[in-house]
Amino acid sequence: MLKAIRRPLILCVEDEPLLLRDLCDELEEAGYQAIGVPDVPAALLVLSRMKPSLILCDVGLPGQSGLDLLAELRETDAHSSVPFLLLTALSDREHVLRGARAGADDYLVKPVDYDLLLATVAARLAKVQRLQRLQRDALQRSLDEAHRHWHGVLDSLGHCAVVCDGHLAIQFANRQAYALCHGDAQHSSPLVIDAAGQVVLRQVLAQHPGLRQFLRGRQESASFDVPAIPGGPPYWCLSIQSLSAREDSGEGECSEGAPDSRDQRFALFINGLQQSVKPSAEALARRFALTPAETQVARLLVDGMSKQQMCAQLQVSASTMAFHLRNMFAKTQTGRQAELVAVLLTAALGASPPALN
């Protein structure tokens, strides 16, 4: 079954009923969706429910003018980037100037030349598509660079570490992770090689309820003790850190409209409990020149605590915690909490911190 192509939505704001009908008919006939409203309050009601691809608005409206609507939208995050075309009388040069200063993208004069109208709408939408494509390409390049950086950081660790998406599909496994997959079969590994030759989490880890709840939530980090077999005693310690910004709201779950979980990236650090070696407070303080308070934060970070949990544990405010983290980022030359944890973990084995250029 072919997927329906979404037509661009044009919002038309015009108080003359016949002209409004003609505008919508011409746009519909040209392949657009068109919604017509007679005034600014009606336009704002539509905008509260949907985001149009473009707004075509008369300047002279009853009550609030088209310029008032333009000024209001340019102050809002949701609609500030929507192309806005002013419709004005030929003699209203002052309106055109005021509209240009307020951020209007273009203007058309009455009586409407419909060929010019359609050409102007098409040109504006094409420009938006080009800008969006450039932004997507720039974002993808930034993500690719960040992922290459992270692969280098994690490969420097003596711990098993992988990068996965929000469905726990592994995108990268460090050398220690591969060593566990191909190591002595008598020792249970948290990772296995599937039939396609890909590194995957062992099922008991991938289905762990705490990990699943974390992926649905907004926290930046968490830590779990996981059994090697269902119902058995804890065997592995798993710490997970988000590699992109998440809104830490305790135990809450993501609301509708959250980014696709396949686009998210997480670093997983996995250790056997019987082999787990955590850095001592003295080692952390000496290695990174941490203050006593920063050392406490570092220990809690290695334990997989989120900022909210650390605030509760240490009985400090969010601003105080942010102050400590900023100082620790500077001392370890890191930029995010997950990076900081990766560097702190190196202190457990006495290794040199990975280069974070």
Protein backbone atom coordinates (compact mmCIF):
# COMPACT_ATOMS: atom_id res chain seq x y z
CA MET A 1 0.00 0.00 0.00
CA LEU A 2 1.42 3.38 -1.02
CA LYS A 3 2.02 5.88 1.77
CA ALA A 4 -0.07 9.04 1.39
CA ILE A 5 2.01 12.14 0.65
CA ARG A 6 1.34 14.93 3.14
CA ARG A 7 0.36 18.12 1.34
CA PRO A 8 1.70 21.43 2.71
CA LEU A 9 -0.89 23.20 4.87
CA ILE A 10 -1.53 26.90 4.17
CA LEU A 11 -3.42 29.02 6.72
CA CYS A 12 -5.27 31.91 5.05
CA VAL A 13 -6.45 34.83 7.22
CA GLU A 14 -8.80 37.18 5.34
CA ASP A 15 -11.99 38.95 6.46
CA GLU A 16 -13.55 39.27 2.98
CA PRO A 17 -15.52 36.01 2.57
CA LEU A 18 -15.39 35.85 -1.25
CA LEU A 19 -11.66 36.56 -1.38
CA LEU A 20 -11.01 34.03 1.38
CA ARG A 21 -12.93 31.37 -0.54
CA ASP A 22 -11.03 32.16 -3.76
CA LEU A 23 -7.67 32.00 -1.99
CA CYS A 24 -8.44 28.60 -0.50
CA ASP A 25 -9.84 27.26 -3.81
CA GLU A 26 -6.75 28.35 -5.76
CA LEU A 27 -4.40 26.81 -3.21
CA GLU A 28 -6.37 23.55 -3.05
CA GLU A 29 -6.41 23.32 -6.83
CA ALA A 30 -2.61 23.79 -6.84
CA GLY A 31 -2.19 20.78 -4.53
CA TYR A 32 -2.02 22.40 -1.10
CA GLN A 33 -4.25 21.99 1.93
CA ALA A 34 -5.88 25.29 2.82
CA ILE A 35 -7.67 26.47 5.97
CA GLY A 36 -9.44 29.83 5.86
CA VAL A 37 -10.28 31.98 8.89
CA PRO A 38 -11.65 35.58 9.08
CA ASP A 39 -9.64 37.10 11.95
CA VAL A 40 -6.69 36.80 14.34
CA PRO A 41 -8.52 34.99 17.21
CA ALA A 42 -9.67 32.29 14.78
CA ALA A 43 -6.13 32.03 13.38
CA LEU A 44 -4.66 31.63 16.87
CA LEU A 45 -7.17 28.85 17.60
CA VAL A 46 -6.02 26.96 14.50
CA LEU A 47 -2.36 27.56 15.39
CA SER A 48 -2.89 26.15 18.88
CA ARG A 49 -3.87 22.84 17.28
CA MET A 50 -1.53 22.53 14.30
CA LYS A 51 1.52 24.01 12.61
CA PRO A 52 0.96 25.18 9.02
CA SER A 53 3.65 25.16 6.36
CA LEU A 54 2.92 28.81 5.52
CA ILE A 55 0.60 31.65 6.62
CA LEU A 56 -1.05 34.05 4.15
CA CYS A 57 -2.57 36.94 6.07
CA ASP A 58 -4.33 40.19 5.22
CA VAL A 59 -3.03 43.28 7.00
CA GLY A 60 -6.38 45.01 7.51
CA LEU A 61 -8.42 42.70 9.71
CA PRO A 62 -11.18 43.54 12.21
CA GLY A 63 -9.80 43.93 15.73
CA GLN A 64 -6.18 42.77 15.71
CA SER A 65 -4.37 43.32 12.42
CA GLY A 66 -2.24 40.95 10.41
CA LEU A 67 0.80 42.82 11.72
CA ASP A 68 -0.32 42.04 15.29
CA LEU A 69 -0.54 38.35 14.42
CA LEU A 70 2.89 38.44 12.79
CA ALA A 71 4.47 40.11 15.84
CA GLU A 72 2.89 37.57 18.20
CA LEU A 73 4.04 34.55 16.18
CA ARG A 74 7.59 35.79 15.85
CA GLU A 75 7.78 35.76 19.65
CA THR A 76 6.73 32.10 19.97
CA ASP A 77 8.99 29.09 19.55
CA ALA A 78 6.33 26.94 17.92
CA HIS A 79 5.60 29.21 14.93
CA SER A 80 8.48 31.69 14.75
CA SER A 81 9.98 30.01 11.68
CA VAL A 82 6.74 29.56 9.68
CA PRO A 83 6.87 31.65 6.46
CA PHE A 84 4.47 34.61 6.74
CA LEU A 85 3.14 36.34 3.62
CA LEU A 86 1.29 39.64 4.01
CA LEU A 87 -1.66 40.54 1.79
CA THR A 88 -2.15 44.28 1.48
CA ALA A 89 -3.66 46.99 -0.71
CA LEU A 90 -1.40 48.40 -3.41
CA SER A 91 -1.32 51.84 -1.77
CA ASP A 92 -0.37 50.58 1.74
CA ARG A 93 3.39 51.11 1.45
CA GLU A 94 3.67 51.80 5.19
CA HIS A 95 2.16 48.38 5.96
CA VAL A 96 4.72 46.71 3.72
CA LEU A 97 7.57 48.50 5.51
CA ARG A 98 6.20 47.70 8.95
CA GLY A 99 5.70 44.08 7.92
CA ALA A 100 9.27 43.78 6.67
CA ARG A 101 10.59 45.22 9.95
CA ALA A 102 8.38 42.80 11.93
CA GLY A 103 9.76 39.77 10.07
CA ALA A 104 7.34 39.14 7.20
CA ASP A 105 8.87 36.92 4.52
CA ASP A 106 7.10 38.53 1.57
CA TYR A 107 3.99 40.46 0.61
CA LEU A 108 1.33 40.38 -2.11
CA VAL A 109 -0.96 43.20 -3.19
CA LYS A 110 -4.67 43.30 -3.92
CA PRO A 111 -6.24 42.59 -6.30
CA VAL A 112 -4.52 39.22 -6.05
CA ASP A 113 -2.54 37.92 -9.02
CA TYR A 114 -3.05 34.19 -8.44
CA ASP A 115 -0.17 33.13 -10.68
CA LEU A 116 2.14 35.34 -8.64
CA LEU A 117 0.56 34.06 -5.42
CA LEU A 118 1.23 30.40 -6.29
CA ALA A 119 4.76 31.16 -7.48
CA THR A 120 5.53 33.05 -4.25
CA VAL A 121 4.13 30.26 -2.05
CA ALA A 122 6.09 27.60 -3.96
CA ALA A 123 9.32 29.60 -3.72
CA ARG A 124 8.94 30.14 0.02
CA LEU A 125 8.20 26.49 0.73
CA ALA A 126 11.14 25.38 -1.43
CA LYS A 127 13.44 27.69 0.56
CA VAL A 128 12.18 26.21 3.83
CA GLN A 129 12.84 22.69 2.53
CA ARG A 130 16.39 23.63 1.53
CA LEU A 131 17.08 25.11 4.96
CA GLN A 132 15.63 22.05 6.71
CA ARG A 133 17.76 19.76 4.56
CA LEU A 134 20.89 21.77 5.41
CA GLN A 135 20.00 21.63 9.11
CA ARG A 136 19.47 17.85 8.98
CA ASP A 137 22.78 17.37 7.19
CA ALA A 138 24.59 19.55 9.74
CA LEU A 139 22.94 17.67 12.63
CA GLN A 140 23.91 14.32 11.13
CA ARG A 141 27.52 15.45 10.71
CA SER A 142 27.55 16.61 14.32
CA LEU A 143 26.13 13.28 15.50
CA ASP A 144 28.63 11.31 13.43
CA GLU A 145 31.50 13.34 14.90
CA ALA A 146 30.16 12.85 18.43
CA HIS A 147 29.81 9.10 17.89
CA ARG A 148 33.39 8.81 16.58
CA HIS A 149 34.56 10.75 19.61
CA TRP A 150 32.64 8.44 21.94
CA HIS A 151 33.99 5.31 20.29
CA GLY A 152 37.51 6.53 21.02
CA VAL A 153 36.64 7.32 24.64
CA LEU A 154 35.04 3.93 25.30
CA ASP A 155 37.75 1.96 23.52
CA SER A 156 40.23 3.37 26.04
CA LEU A 157 38.37 1.81 28.98
CA GLY A 158 39.32 -1.45 30.63
CA HIS A 159 35.62 -2.05 31.30
CA CYS A 160 33.05 -3.61 28.99
CA ALA A 161 31.27 -0.67 27.34
CA VAL A 162 28.85 -0.43 24.41
CA VAL A 163 26.79 2.28 22.71
CA CYS A 164 23.19 1.35 21.91
CA ASP A 165 20.01 3.03 20.70
CA GLY A 166 16.73 3.31 22.59
CA HIS A 167 15.78 -0.21 21.51
CA LEU A 168 19.08 -1.57 22.92
CA ALA A 169 20.44 -2.33 19.45
CA ILE A 170 24.21 -2.09 19.86
CA GLN A 171 25.86 0.48 17.57
CA PHE A 172 29.38 0.12 18.95
CA ALA A 173 31.20 -2.26 21.30
CA ASN A 174 34.63 -1.49 22.72
CA ARG A 175 37.56 -3.89 22.68
CA GLN A 176 36.81 -5.21 26.14
CA ALA A 177 33.23 -6.03 25.09
CA TYR A 178 34.47 -8.01 22.09
CA ALA A 179 36.97 -9.80 24.32
CA LEU A 180 34.14 -10.93 26.60
CA CYS A 181 32.13 -12.22 23.64
CA HIS A 182 35.05 -14.31 22.41
CA GLY A 183 36.53 -15.20 25.79
CA ASP A 184 36.50 -18.37 27.87
CA ALA A 185 33.06 -20.00 27.45
CA GLN A 186 33.13 -21.14 31.08
CA HIS A 187 32.70 -17.56 32.17
CA SER A 188 29.26 -16.14 31.42
CA SER A 189 29.36 -12.99 29.28
CA PRO A 190 26.78 -10.18 29.36
CA LEU A 191 27.10 -9.99 25.57
CA VAL A 192 26.71 -12.61 22.87
CA ILE A 193 27.20 -12.82 19.11
CA ASP A 194 23.91 -13.44 17.28
CA ALA A 195 23.32 -15.42 14.09
CA ALA A 196 24.06 -12.34 11.98
CA GLY A 197 27.44 -11.88 13.67
CA GLN A 198 26.30 -8.81 15.64
CA VAL A 199 27.09 -8.12 19.30
CA VAL A 200 23.87 -8.12 21.33
CA LEU A 201 22.98 -7.92 25.01
CA ARG A 202 22.17 -11.18 26.71
CA GLN A 203 18.40 -11.51 27.00
CA VAL A 204 18.28 -11.28 30.77
CA LEU A 205 19.93 -7.84 30.57
CA ALA A 206 17.94 -6.59 27.59
CA GLN A 207 14.65 -7.51 29.28
CA HIS A 208 15.55 -6.18 32.72
CA PRO A 209 12.50 -4.16 33.92
CA GLY A 210 14.59 -1.38 35.46
CA LEU A 211 16.49 -0.88 32.21
CA ARG A 212 13.27 -0.87 30.20
CA GLN A 213 11.73 1.70 32.53
CA PHE A 214 14.83 3.88 32.22
CA LEU A 215 14.58 3.86 28.40
CA ARG A 216 10.97 5.06 28.61
CA GLY A 217 11.84 7.82 31.07
CA ARG A 218 13.79 11.08 31.07
CA GLN A 219 16.66 10.37 33.47
CA GLU A 220 20.22 10.77 32.23
CA SER A 221 21.67 7.80 34.13
CA ALA A 222 20.81 4.71 36.16
CA SER A 223 22.50 1.62 37.59
CA PHE A 224 21.20 -1.95 38.09
CA ASP A 225 22.43 -5.25 39.51
CA VAL A 226 21.27 -7.96 37.10
CA PRO A 227 21.16 -11.77 37.57
CA ALA A 228 22.84 -14.06 35.05
CA ILE A 229 19.68 -16.17 34.98
CA PRO A 230 16.08 -15.06 35.72
CA GLY A 231 15.42 -15.31 39.44
CA GLY A 232 19.07 -15.87 40.27
CA PRO A 233 21.36 -13.76 42.42
CA PRO A 234 22.81 -10.52 41.02
CA TYR A 235 25.79 -11.21 38.77
CA TRP A 236 26.38 -8.07 36.68
CA CYS A 237 26.42 -4.39 37.51
CA LEU A 238 25.06 -2.37 34.59
CA SER A 239 25.35 1.43 34.44
CA ILE A 240 23.64 3.35 31.64
CA GLN A 241 24.25 6.97 30.64
CA SER A 242 22.44 9.03 28.02
CA LEU A 243 24.74 10.50 25.35
CA SER A 244 22.25 13.25 24.49
CA ALA A 245 20.23 15.69 26.56
CA ARG A 246 17.26 14.22 28.38
CA GLU A 247 14.86 16.04 30.68
CA ASP A 248 15.51 14.45 34.08
CA SER A 249 12.11 14.21 35.76
CA GLY A 250 12.68 11.42 38.24
CA GLU A 251 10.61 8.38 37.42
CA GLY A 252 8.35 9.99 34.82
CA GLU A 253 7.94 8.58 31.35
CA CYS A 254 8.36 10.32 28.02
CA SER A 255 5.29 12.10 26.75
CA GLU A 256 3.85 11.69 23.31
CA GLY A 257 5.84 13.44 20.63
CA ALA A 258 9.21 12.50 22.15
CA PRO A 259 12.04 11.82 19.70
CA ASP A 260 12.17 8.39 18.07
CA SER A 261 13.98 6.11 20.53
CA ARG A 262 16.07 4.71 17.67
CA ASP A 263 17.65 8.16 17.32
CA GLN A 264 18.76 8.23 20.96
CA ARG A 265 22.16 6.93 22.06
CA PHE A 266 23.22 5.47 25.41
CA ALA A 267 26.52 4.25 26.84
CA LEU A 268 26.31 1.01 28.84
CA PHE A 269 29.11 0.06 31.25
CA ILE A 270 28.91 -3.58 32.40
CA ASN A 271 30.97 -5.31 35.11
CA GLY A 272 30.72 -8.66 36.84
CA LEU A 273 29.87 -7.99 40.49
CA GLN A 274 32.49 -10.47 41.70
CA GLN A 275 35.11 -8.64 39.62
CA SER A 276 33.83 -5.10 39.99
CA VAL A 277 36.48 -2.64 41.15
CA LYS A 278 35.29 0.86 41.88
CA PRO A 279 37.68 3.77 42.20
CA SER A 280 38.44 4.81 45.77
CA ALA A 281 37.72 8.30 46.98
CA GLU A 282 41.46 8.88 47.40
CA ALA A 283 42.18 7.75 43.82
CA LEU A 284 39.51 10.03 42.39
CA ALA A 285 40.60 13.05 44.42
CA ARG A 286 44.27 12.55 43.58
CA ARG A 287 43.78 11.79 39.87
CA PHE A 288 41.48 14.72 39.09
CA ALA A 289 42.29 17.20 41.90
CA LEU A 290 38.73 16.99 43.23
CA THR A 291 37.47 18.72 46.35
CA PRO A 292 35.84 16.53 49.04
CA ALA A 293 32.38 17.51 47.80
CA GLU A 294 33.32 16.78 44.18
CA THR A 295 34.75 13.43 45.25
CA GLN A 296 31.42 12.50 46.80
CA VAL A 297 29.66 13.45 43.57
CA ALA A 298 32.17 11.40 41.56
CA ARG A 299 31.51 8.27 43.64
CA LEU A 300 27.76 8.65 43.16
CA LEU A 301 28.20 9.19 39.41
CA VAL A 302 30.18 5.96 39.14
CA ASP A 303 27.33 4.25 41.02
CA GLY A 304 24.98 5.35 38.20
CA MET A 305 23.00 7.97 40.08
CA SER A 306 21.15 10.75 38.26
CA LYS A 307 21.53 14.42 39.21
CA GLN A 308 18.20 14.32 41.05
CA GLN A 309 19.22 11.25 43.05
CA MET A 310 22.60 12.78 43.91
CA CYS A 311 20.90 15.95 45.16
CA ALA A 312 18.71 13.85 47.46
CA GLN A 313 21.63 11.71 48.65
CA LEU A 314 23.86 14.66 49.45
CA GLN A 315 21.00 16.95 50.52
CA VAL A 316 22.05 19.79 48.22
CA SER A 317 20.14 21.96 45.76
CA ALA A 318 20.09 21.46 42.00
CA SER A 319 22.11 24.66 41.55
CA THR A 320 24.79 23.40 43.96
CA MET A 321 24.97 20.10 42.10
CA ALA A 322 25.26 21.94 38.78
CA PHE A 323 28.14 23.99 40.26
CA HIS A 324 30.02 20.82 41.29
CA LEU A 325 29.48 19.20 37.91
CA ARG A 326 30.71 22.28 36.03
CA ASN A 327 33.92 22.22 38.07
CA MET A 328 34.35 18.49 37.44
CA PHE A 329 33.78 18.94 33.69
CA ALA A 330 36.56 21.52 33.66
CA LYS A 331 38.97 19.36 35.67
CA THR A 332 38.38 16.25 33.55
CA GLN A 333 38.08 18.12 30.21
CA THR A 334 34.65 16.63 29.55
CA GLY A 335 31.39 18.18 28.46
CA ARG A 336 28.60 15.81 29.48
CA GLN A 337 27.74 13.56 32.40
CA ALA A 338 28.22 10.34 30.42
CA GLU A 339 31.70 11.48 29.33
CA LEU A 340 32.57 12.31 32.92
CA VAL A 341 31.56 8.83 34.10
CA ALA A 342 33.68 7.18 31.41
CA VAL A 343 36.73 9.16 32.56
CA LEU A 344 36.08 8.47 36.25
CA LEU A 345 35.88 4.75 35.60
CA THR A 346 39.46 4.73 34.31
CA ALA A 347 40.64 5.53 37.83
CA ALA A 348 39.47 2.09 38.99
CA LEU A 349 42.19 0.37 36.94
CA GLY A 350 44.85 3.03 37.33
CA ALA A 351 44.76 3.77 33.62
CA SER A 352 45.41 7.10 32.02
CA PRO A 353 42.23 9.03 31.21
CA PRO A 354 41.24 8.79 27.53
CA ALA A 355 42.03 11.78 25.35
CA LEU A 356 38.93 13.97 24.96
CA ASN A 357 40.02 16.38 22.26
